[in-house]
Amino acid sequence: MKKVLTILLITCSAINFAQDKAKTLLNEVSEKVRSYNNIALDFKYTLENISENIKQETKGDVVMQGDKYRLNILGVTRLFDGKSLYSISTEDEEVSITSNIDEDSNRITPSKMLSFYEDGYTYMLDIKQDVNGRKIQYVKLTPIDSDSEIENILLGIDAQTKHIYNLIQVGKNGTKTTLTVNSFETNQPLPKTLFTFDADKYKDYYINNLD
């Protein structure tokens, strides 16, 4: 009985230690992100579902400043000025506008891509990998909400810079999405109108107001 209790105590201590280490690391990432005036990322996005024989890869880029962002992916520019979201498709010559922003805590939007983990998840240290000479420490996050469509998320963090290297999200439907950061720049000089929608540029576009 004493051996069993000892093993349980050791196991609980190890779990608590791993949780504390994960929390400390995530806090360091949050502090680093908040210290920047703006962040610009180039990334690769992969979606795959083995059972459905699906694998898609694409590249994108995003600039973030506070809650505002400008995201380019799959030929569409998504511009959020802090109040409204503009989805601009040059191929379809259409602009969709909405101020009804989905605040689902499990939905990872660009404005909270680097801080989404602060609420709604439990976390644990996972493996550490050497990626091209960089030490990447993974933290496993599990949604607290049992109804979440997300099974878990692996967040890869550069142990030296405390920047996020990649994010691997596994859905309960077997779909895995991976976002890998190719470049990470901060405090860049940005045009004043970067997060402003200029209607004059899209006079010939169909404007779809979703509100």
Foldseek 3Di string as FASTA:
>chain_A
DVVVVVVVVVVVVVFVVQQVVVVVLLVVLVVLVVVFQKKKFKKKKWKDFVVVGDIDIWIWMKIDGQQWMWIDTPQWIWFDLPFKIWIQHPVQLEIEIERPDDPPLVDQDPNCVSPSQVDFWRKGWDDWDQDVNFIWTWIKIAGPDPPDQWGIKIWTAGPPSSHTAKMWTAGPVRMIMIMGTPDMDTDDDDPPCPRPDDVVVRVVGHYHYPD
